């Protein structure tokens, strides 16, 4: 069965607890439809959680949160297998598209997380909002996503 493995790293200004609460409440959209759900298999608040996904693919995602001064280092280790017959048969063709889409979705997720933390009224470090917004969107602070093949 075709498998995928992605590792994503982010750094966000905030505590692990703030990042955990924000990630636990996240929703998003993709430019195509995959039907899947997940259950939280393990909670390690504020240091992360593990999800098990099922539907068009089966997988396990491990979120690891580590405090690093004023920032929280975020790692998402995502391993999944194509379950839908069409995805399995066309995996050789779709793999680059899924890799690109994962990077795109994770970049959007990282930006959303940082913006959410910016607007969180409990996060009051007296830093001017314009500075924090510029820092949030700075390409120098962005993490990276690296697809790993094969799994």
N, C-alpha and C. Protein backbone atom coordinates (compact mmCIF):
# COMPACT_ATOMS: atom_id res chain seq x y z
N UNK A 1 0.85 -1.18 0.00
CA UNK A 1 0.00 0.00 0.00
C UNK A 1 0.89 1.24 0.00
N UNK A 2 0.63 2.21 -0.89
CA UNK A 2 1.44 3.42 -0.95
C UNK A 2 1.42 4.18 0.37
N UNK A 3 2.60 4.59 0.81
CA UNK A 3 2.68 5.31 2.09
C UNK A 3 3.42 6.63 1.90
N UNK A 4 3.16 7.54 2.81
CA UNK A 4 3.73 8.87 2.80
C UNK A 4 4.24 9.19 4.20
N UNK A 5 5.29 9.99 4.27
CA UNK A 5 5.82 10.41 5.57
C UNK A 5 6.27 11.86 5.42
N UNK A 6 5.69 12.74 6.22
CA UNK A 6 6.03 14.16 6.21
C UNK A 6 6.45 14.57 7.61
N UNK A 7 7.48 15.39 7.70
CA UNK A 7 7.87 15.98 8.98
C UNK A 7 7.88 17.49 8.79
N UNK A 8 7.17 18.18 9.67
CA UNK A 8 7.05 19.64 9.60
C UNK A 8 7.60 20.24 10.88
N UNK A 9 8.36 21.33 10.74
CA UNK A 9 8.90 22.05 11.90
C UNK A 9 8.45 23.50 11.83
N UNK A 10 7.96 24.01 12.96
CA UNK A 10 7.59 25.43 13.08
C UNK A 10 8.18 25.97 14.36
N UNK A 11 8.22 27.29 14.43
CA UNK A 11 8.54 27.98 15.67
C UNK A 11 7.52 29.09 15.80
N UNK A 12 6.80 29.13 16.93
CA UNK A 12 5.76 30.13 17.13
C UNK A 12 5.99 30.84 18.46
N UNK A 13 5.77 32.15 18.47
CA UNK A 13 5.90 32.93 19.69
C UNK A 13 4.72 32.61 20.60
N UNK A 14 4.99 32.00 21.73
CA UNK A 14 3.95 31.66 22.69
C UNK A 14 4.37 30.47 23.53
N UNK A 15 3.53 30.13 24.46
CA UNK A 15 3.81 28.98 25.31
C UNK A 15 3.31 27.70 24.65
N UNK A 16 3.82 26.59 25.10
CA UNK A 16 3.34 25.30 24.59
C UNK A 16 1.83 25.15 24.85
N UNK A 17 1.37 25.62 26.00
CA UNK A 17 -0.06 25.51 26.33
C UNK A 17 -0.90 26.32 25.34
N UNK A 18 -0.45 27.54 24.98
CA UNK A 18 -1.19 28.35 24.01
C UNK A 18 -1.21 27.68 22.64
N UNK A 19 -0.06 27.17 22.22
CA UNK A 19 0.02 26.50 20.93
C UNK A 19 -0.83 25.24 20.94
N UNK A 20 -0.77 24.46 22.00
CA UNK A 20 -1.57 23.25 22.12
C UNK A 20 -3.05 23.57 21.99
N UNK A 21 -3.52 24.57 22.72
CA UNK A 21 -4.94 24.92 22.69
C UNK A 21 -5.36 25.37 21.29
N UNK A 22 -4.50 26.11 20.60
CA UNK A 22 -4.82 26.59 19.26
C UNK A 22 -4.85 25.44 18.26
N UNK A 23 -3.86 24.56 18.31
CA UNK A 23 -3.82 23.43 17.38
C UNK A 23 -4.98 22.46 17.63
N UNK A 24 -5.37 22.31 18.87
CA UNK A 24 -6.46 21.39 19.21
C UNK A 24 -7.80 21.85 18.65
N UNK A 25 -7.88 23.12 18.28
CA UNK A 25 -9.13 23.71 17.83
C UNK A 25 -9.08 24.09 16.35
N UNK A 26 -8.10 23.57 15.61
CA UNK A 26 -7.85 24.02 14.24
C UNK A 26 -8.77 23.32 13.24
N UNK A 27 -9.09 24.06 12.20
CA UNK A 27 -9.81 23.54 11.04
C UNK A 27 -9.14 24.11 9.80
N UNK A 28 -9.33 23.47 8.67
CA UNK A 28 -8.72 23.98 7.45
C UNK A 28 -9.42 23.46 6.22
N UNK A 29 -8.98 23.95 5.07
CA UNK A 29 -9.55 23.54 3.79
C UNK A 29 -8.42 23.18 2.84
N UNK A 30 -8.70 22.21 1.97
CA UNK A 30 -7.75 21.80 0.95
C UNK A 30 -8.34 22.11 -0.42
N UNK A 31 -7.49 22.23 -1.45
CA UNK A 31 -8.02 22.53 -2.78
C UNK A 31 -8.65 21.32 -3.47
N UNK A 32 -8.76 20.19 -2.81
CA UNK A 32 -9.46 19.02 -3.33
C UNK A 32 -10.07 18.30 -2.14
N UNK A 33 -10.88 17.32 -2.42
CA UNK A 33 -11.61 16.67 -1.33
C UNK A 33 -11.03 15.30 -1.01
N UNK A 34 -10.63 15.14 0.20
CA UNK A 34 -10.29 13.84 0.76
C UNK A 34 -11.22 13.64 1.95
N UNK A 35 -11.79 12.48 2.04
CA UNK A 35 -12.69 12.22 3.17
C UNK A 35 -11.91 11.48 4.24
N UNK A 36 -11.77 12.17 5.38
CA UNK A 36 -11.06 11.54 6.48
C UNK A 36 -11.47 12.21 7.78
N UNK A 37 -11.26 11.49 8.82
CA UNK A 37 -11.49 11.96 10.18
C UNK A 37 -10.32 11.51 11.03
N UNK A 38 -10.31 11.98 12.25
CA UNK A 38 -9.26 11.53 13.15
C UNK A 38 -9.81 11.47 14.56
N UNK A 39 -9.13 10.69 15.35
CA UNK A 39 -9.40 10.67 16.79
C UNK A 39 -8.09 11.02 17.49
N UNK A 40 -8.23 11.68 18.61
CA UNK A 40 -7.04 11.97 19.41
C UNK A 40 -6.73 10.71 20.20
N UNK A 41 -5.62 10.09 19.87
CA UNK A 41 -5.25 8.81 20.48
C UNK A 41 -4.50 8.99 21.78
N UNK A 42 -3.79 10.13 21.89
CA UNK A 42 -2.99 10.37 23.10
C UNK A 42 -2.88 11.87 23.32
N UNK A 43 -3.14 12.29 24.54
CA UNK A 43 -3.01 13.71 24.91
C UNK A 43 -1.80 13.85 25.83
N UNK A 44 -0.96 14.84 25.53
CA UNK A 44 0.22 15.12 26.35
C UNK A 44 0.30 16.62 26.63
N UNK A 45 -0.83 17.23 26.97
CA UNK A 45 -0.88 18.68 27.18
C UNK A 45 0.08 19.10 28.27
N UNK A 46 0.85 20.12 28.06
CA UNK A 46 0.91 20.99 26.90
C UNK A 46 1.97 20.59 25.88
N UNK A 47 2.48 19.38 25.96
CA UNK A 47 3.63 18.98 25.14
C UNK A 47 3.26 18.29 23.84
N UNK A 48 1.95 18.21 23.53
CA UNK A 48 1.56 17.65 22.25
C UNK A 48 0.41 16.68 22.35
N UNK A 49 0.16 16.02 21.24
CA UNK A 49 -0.88 15.00 21.18
C UNK A 49 -0.65 14.16 19.93
N UNK A 50 -1.32 13.02 19.87
CA UNK A 50 -1.20 12.10 18.75
C UNK A 50 -2.59 11.86 18.19
N UNK A 51 -2.70 11.88 16.86
CA UNK A 51 -3.98 11.60 16.22
C UNK A 51 -3.85 10.34 15.35
N UNK A 52 -4.94 9.61 15.25
CA UNK A 52 -5.05 8.50 14.32
C UNK A 52 -6.10 8.90 13.29
N UNK A 53 -5.72 8.86 12.00
CA UNK A 53 -6.60 9.27 10.91
C UNK A 53 -7.16 8.04 10.20
N UNK A 54 -8.38 8.20 9.69
CA UNK A 54 -9.01 7.13 8.93
C UNK A 54 -9.93 7.73 7.89
N UNK A 55 -10.20 6.99 6.85
CA UNK A 55 -11.02 7.45 5.73
C UNK A 55 -10.32 7.11 4.43
N UNK A 56 -10.12 8.12 3.56
CA UNK A 56 -9.43 7.89 2.29
C UNK A 56 -7.97 7.52 2.50
N UNK A 57 -7.47 7.78 3.67
CA UNK A 57 -6.14 7.31 4.05
C UNK A 57 -6.16 6.95 5.53
N UNK A 58 -5.20 6.14 5.92
CA UNK A 58 -5.03 5.75 7.31
C UNK A 58 -3.68 6.31 7.76
N UNK A 59 -3.64 6.83 8.96
CA UNK A 59 -2.36 7.37 9.38
C UNK A 59 -2.31 7.76 10.84
N UNK A 60 -1.14 8.20 11.19
CA UNK A 60 -0.86 8.63 12.56
C UNK A 60 -0.05 9.91 12.49
N UNK A 61 -0.51 10.91 13.23
CA UNK A 61 0.20 12.19 13.29
C UNK A 61 0.57 12.49 14.72
N UNK A 62 1.84 12.81 14.93
CA UNK A 62 2.33 13.10 16.28
C UNK A 62 2.77 14.57 16.32
N UNK A 63 2.09 15.35 17.17
CA UNK A 63 2.45 16.75 17.40
C UNK A 63 3.33 16.80 18.65
N UNK A 64 4.51 17.41 18.51
CA UNK A 64 5.45 17.55 19.63
C UNK A 64 5.69 19.04 19.84
N UNK A 65 5.45 19.51 21.06
CA UNK A 65 5.60 20.92 21.40
C UNK A 65 6.67 21.05 22.48
N UNK A 66 7.67 21.91 22.24
CA UNK A 66 8.76 22.11 23.20
C UNK A 66 8.99 23.60 23.39
N UNK A 67 9.02 24.03 24.64
CA UNK A 67 9.26 25.44 24.94
C UNK A 67 10.71 25.78 24.66
N UNK A 68 10.95 26.90 23.98
CA UNK A 68 12.28 27.35 23.63
C UNK A 68 12.33 28.85 23.89
N UNK A 69 12.54 29.23 25.15
CA UNK A 69 12.49 30.64 25.53
C UNK A 69 11.07 31.17 25.40
N UNK A 70 10.91 32.26 24.63
CA UNK A 70 9.59 32.83 24.40
C UNK A 70 8.83 32.13 23.28
N UNK A 71 9.48 31.20 22.62
CA UNK A 71 8.87 30.49 21.49
C UNK A 71 8.51 29.07 21.86
N UNK A 72 7.65 28.50 21.04
CA UNK A 72 7.32 27.09 21.15
C UNK A 72 7.76 26.43 19.84
N UNK A 73 8.62 25.44 19.93
CA UNK A 73 9.03 24.67 18.76
C UNK A 73 7.99 23.58 18.53
N UNK A 74 7.51 23.51 17.29
CA UNK A 74 6.45 22.57 16.94
C UNK A 74 6.99 21.60 15.90
N UNK A 75 6.79 20.31 16.13
CA UNK A 75 7.12 19.28 15.15
C UNK A 75 5.89 18.44 14.92
N UNK A 76 5.56 18.22 13.66
CA UNK A 76 4.44 17.35 13.29
C UNK A 76 5.00 16.22 12.44
N UNK A 77 4.91 15.01 12.94
CA UNK A 77 5.39 13.81 12.25
C UNK A 77 4.17 13.05 11.76
N UNK A 78 3.96 13.02 10.46
CA UNK A 78 2.73 12.54 9.84
C UNK A 78 3.04 11.37 8.93
N UNK A 79 2.56 10.19 9.29
CA UNK A 79 2.75 8.98 8.48
C UNK A 79 1.37 8.49 8.08
N UNK A 80 1.18 8.27 6.78
CA UNK A 80 -0.12 7.81 6.32
C UNK A 80 0.00 6.92 5.11
N UNK A 81 -1.05 6.15 4.89
CA UNK A 81 -1.15 5.25 3.75
C UNK A 81 -2.43 5.53 3.00
N UNK A 82 -2.34 5.48 1.67
CA UNK A 82 -3.53 5.68 0.84
C UNK A 82 -4.46 4.48 1.01
N UNK A 83 -5.71 4.74 1.33
CA UNK A 83 -6.69 3.69 1.53
C UNK A 83 -7.66 3.62 0.37
N UNK A 84 -7.99 4.76 -0.21
CA UNK A 84 -8.93 4.84 -1.32
C UNK A 84 -8.31 4.16 -2.55
N UNK A 85 -9.03 3.25 -3.22
CA UNK A 85 -8.45 2.52 -4.36
C UNK A 85 -7.82 3.41 -5.43
N UNK A 86 -8.48 4.51 -5.79
CA UNK A 86 -7.94 5.39 -6.81
C UNK A 86 -6.63 6.02 -6.35
N UNK A 87 -6.55 6.39 -5.08
CA UNK A 87 -5.31 6.97 -4.55
C UNK A 87 -4.18 5.94 -4.57
N UNK A 88 -4.51 4.69 -4.24
CA UNK A 88 -3.48 3.64 -4.25
C UNK A 88 -2.96 3.40 -5.66
N UNK A 89 -3.88 3.32 -6.63
CA UNK A 89 -3.47 3.01 -8.01
C UNK A 89 -2.68 4.14 -8.66
N UNK A 90 -3.02 5.38 -8.31
CA UNK A 90 -2.37 6.52 -8.94
C UNK A 90 -1.32 7.18 -8.05
N UNK A 91 -0.90 6.50 -7.03
CA UNK A 91 0.04 7.08 -6.07
C UNK A 91 1.32 7.57 -6.75
N UNK A 92 1.84 6.81 -7.70
CA UNK A 92 3.08 7.20 -8.38
C UNK A 92 2.92 8.56 -9.07
N UNK A 93 1.72 8.86 -9.53
CA UNK A 93 1.44 10.11 -10.21
C UNK A 93 1.06 11.23 -9.23
N UNK A 94 0.33 10.87 -8.17
CA UNK A 94 -0.20 11.84 -7.22
C UNK A 94 0.79 12.24 -6.13
N UNK A 95 1.82 11.44 -5.90
CA UNK A 95 2.77 11.70 -4.81
C UNK A 95 3.33 13.13 -4.83
N UNK A 96 3.80 13.65 -5.97
CA UNK A 96 4.31 15.03 -5.96
C UNK A 96 3.22 16.05 -5.64
N UNK A 97 2.00 15.80 -6.08
CA UNK A 97 0.89 16.71 -5.79
C UNK A 97 0.58 16.69 -4.31
N UNK A 98 0.54 15.51 -3.70
CA UNK A 98 0.27 15.41 -2.27
C UNK A 98 1.39 16.06 -1.45
N UNK A 99 2.62 15.90 -1.90
CA UNK A 99 3.75 16.52 -1.20
C UNK A 99 3.66 18.04 -1.26
N UNK A 100 3.38 18.55 -2.46
CA UNK A 100 3.21 20.00 -2.61
C UNK A 100 2.06 20.49 -1.74
N UNK A 101 0.93 19.77 -1.79
CA UNK A 101 -0.23 20.19 -1.02
C UNK A 101 0.03 20.14 0.48
N UNK A 102 0.78 19.15 0.94
CA UNK A 102 1.10 19.08 2.36
C UNK A 102 1.92 20.30 2.77
N UNK A 103 2.92 20.64 1.98
CA UNK A 103 3.74 21.82 2.29
C UNK A 103 2.87 23.07 2.31
N UNK A 104 1.98 23.20 1.32
CA UNK A 104 1.09 24.36 1.23
C UNK A 104 0.18 24.42 2.46
N UNK A 105 -0.44 23.31 2.80
CA UNK A 105 -1.36 23.27 3.95
C UNK A 105 -0.63 23.57 5.25
N UNK A 106 0.59 23.06 5.40
CA UNK A 106 1.34 23.30 6.62
C UNK A 106 1.79 24.77 6.71
N UNK A 107 2.15 25.38 5.58
CA UNK A 107 2.50 26.80 5.59
C UNK A 107 1.30 27.64 6.00
N UNK A 108 0.12 27.30 5.47
CA UNK A 108 -1.11 28.02 5.85
C UNK A 108 -1.42 27.78 7.32
N UNK A 109 -1.22 26.56 7.77
CA UNK A 109 -1.46 26.24 9.18
C UNK A 109 -0.52 27.00 10.10
N UNK A 110 0.74 27.09 9.70
CA UNK A 110 1.72 27.82 10.51
C UNK A 110 1.33 29.30 10.60
N UNK A 111 0.96 29.89 9.47
CA UNK A 111 0.58 31.29 9.48
C UNK A 111 -0.69 31.49 10.33
N UNK A 112 -1.65 30.60 10.20
CA UNK A 112 -2.89 30.71 10.98
C UNK A 112 -2.60 30.59 12.47
N UNK A 113 -1.73 29.66 12.83
CA UNK A 113 -1.36 29.49 14.24
C UNK A 113 -0.74 30.78 14.77
N UNK A 114 0.20 31.34 14.04
CA UNK A 114 0.88 32.56 14.50
C UNK A 114 -0.09 33.73 14.60
N UNK A 115 -0.99 33.85 13.63
CA UNK A 115 -1.98 34.93 13.69
C UNK A 115 -2.94 34.73 14.86
N UNK A 116 -3.34 33.50 15.09
CA UNK A 116 -4.23 33.20 16.22
C UNK A 116 -3.55 33.55 17.55
N UNK A 117 -2.28 33.20 17.66
CA UNK A 117 -1.54 33.54 18.89
C UNK A 117 -1.39 35.05 19.04
N UNK A 118 -1.27 35.77 17.92
CA UNK A 118 -1.18 37.22 17.97
C UNK A 118 -2.44 37.85 18.55
N UNK A 119 -3.58 37.29 18.20
CA UNK A 119 -4.84 37.88 18.62
C UNK A 119 -5.33 37.34 19.95
N UNK A 120 -4.63 36.37 20.50
CA UNK A 120 -5.04 35.78 21.78
C UNK A 120 -4.83 36.80 22.89
N UNK A 121 -5.91 37.21 23.54
CA UNK A 121 -5.82 38.25 24.57
C UNK A 121 -5.05 37.78 25.79
N UNK A 122 -4.88 36.49 25.96
CA UNK A 122 -4.11 36.00 27.11
C UNK A 122 -2.61 36.13 26.88
N UNK A 123 -2.21 36.39 25.64
CA UNK A 123 -0.79 36.51 25.30
C UNK A 123 -0.43 38.00 25.33
N UNK A 124 -0.04 38.50 26.48
CA UNK A 124 0.18 39.93 26.64
C UNK A 124 1.63 40.18 27.07
N UNK A 125 2.52 40.27 26.08
CA UNK A 125 3.92 40.53 26.41
C UNK A 125 4.32 41.97 26.12
N UNK A 126 3.31 42.83 25.85
CA UNK A 126 3.52 44.27 25.60
C UNK A 126 4.36 44.57 24.37
N UNK A 127 4.54 43.60 23.48
CA UNK A 127 5.24 43.85 22.24
C UNK A 127 4.27 44.53 21.28
N UNK A 128 4.68 45.61 20.60
CA UNK A 128 3.76 46.28 19.66
C UNK A 128 3.23 45.29 18.62
N UNK A 129 1.94 45.36 18.35
CA UNK A 129 1.29 44.43 17.44
C UNK A 129 1.93 44.45 16.06
N UNK A 130 2.32 45.62 15.55
CA UNK A 130 2.91 45.69 14.21
C UNK A 130 4.22 44.92 14.15
N UNK A 131 5.01 44.97 15.22
CA UNK A 131 6.26 44.22 15.25
C UNK A 131 5.97 42.72 15.28
N UNK A 132 5.01 42.32 16.12
CA UNK A 132 4.70 40.90 16.23
C UNK A 132 4.13 40.36 14.93
N UNK A 133 3.31 41.15 14.21
CA UNK A 133 2.76 40.71 12.94
C UNK A 133 3.87 40.55 11.91
N UNK A 134 4.79 41.51 11.83
CA UNK A 134 5.90 41.41 10.89
C UNK A 134 6.76 40.20 11.21
N UNK A 135 6.99 39.94 12.49
CA UNK A 135 7.79 38.78 12.89
C UNK A 135 7.08 37.49 12.50
N UNK A 136 5.78 37.47 12.67
CA UNK A 136 4.97 36.29 12.35
C UNK A 136 5.07 35.94 10.88
N UNK A 137 5.09 36.93 10.01
CA UNK A 137 5.07 36.69 8.57
C UNK A 137 6.46 36.64 7.95
N UNK A 138 7.49 36.85 8.74
CA UNK A 138 8.85 36.88 8.23
C UNK A 138 9.29 35.52 7.71
N UNK A 139 9.83 35.47 6.48
CA UNK A 139 10.30 34.19 5.95
C UNK A 139 11.48 33.63 6.74
N UNK A 140 12.19 34.48 7.48
CA UNK A 140 13.32 33.99 8.26
C UNK A 140 12.86 33.18 9.47
N UNK A 141 11.62 33.39 9.93
CA UNK A 141 11.11 32.67 11.09
C UNK A 141 10.31 31.44 10.69
N UNK A 142 10.07 31.27 9.38
CA UNK A 142 9.24 30.15 8.95
C UNK A 142 9.99 28.84 9.10
N UNK A 143 9.26 27.81 9.43
CA UNK A 143 9.83 26.48 9.53
C UNK A 143 9.94 25.86 8.14
N UNK A 144 10.13 24.57 8.10
CA UNK A 144 10.19 23.91 6.82
C UNK A 144 9.43 22.60 6.92
N UNK A 145 9.04 22.14 5.78
CA UNK A 145 8.35 20.86 5.68
C UNK A 145 9.15 20.02 4.71
N UNK A 146 9.44 18.81 5.08
CA UNK A 146 10.21 17.97 4.18
C UNK A 146 9.54 16.63 4.00
N UNK A 147 9.11 16.33 2.75
CA UNK A 147 8.57 15.01 2.50
C UNK A 147 9.71 13.98 2.51
N UNK A 148 9.43 12.83 3.01
CA UNK A 148 10.43 11.78 3.09
C UNK A 148 9.89 10.58 2.31
N UNK A 149 10.63 10.14 1.29
CA UNK A 149 10.17 9.01 0.46
C UNK A 149 11.27 7.97 0.39
N UNK A 150 10.97 6.72 0.26
CA UNK A 150 9.66 6.16 0.60
C UNK A 150 9.57 5.97 2.11
N UNK A 151 8.40 5.64 2.58
CA UNK A 151 8.19 5.46 4.00
C UNK A 151 8.51 4.03 4.40
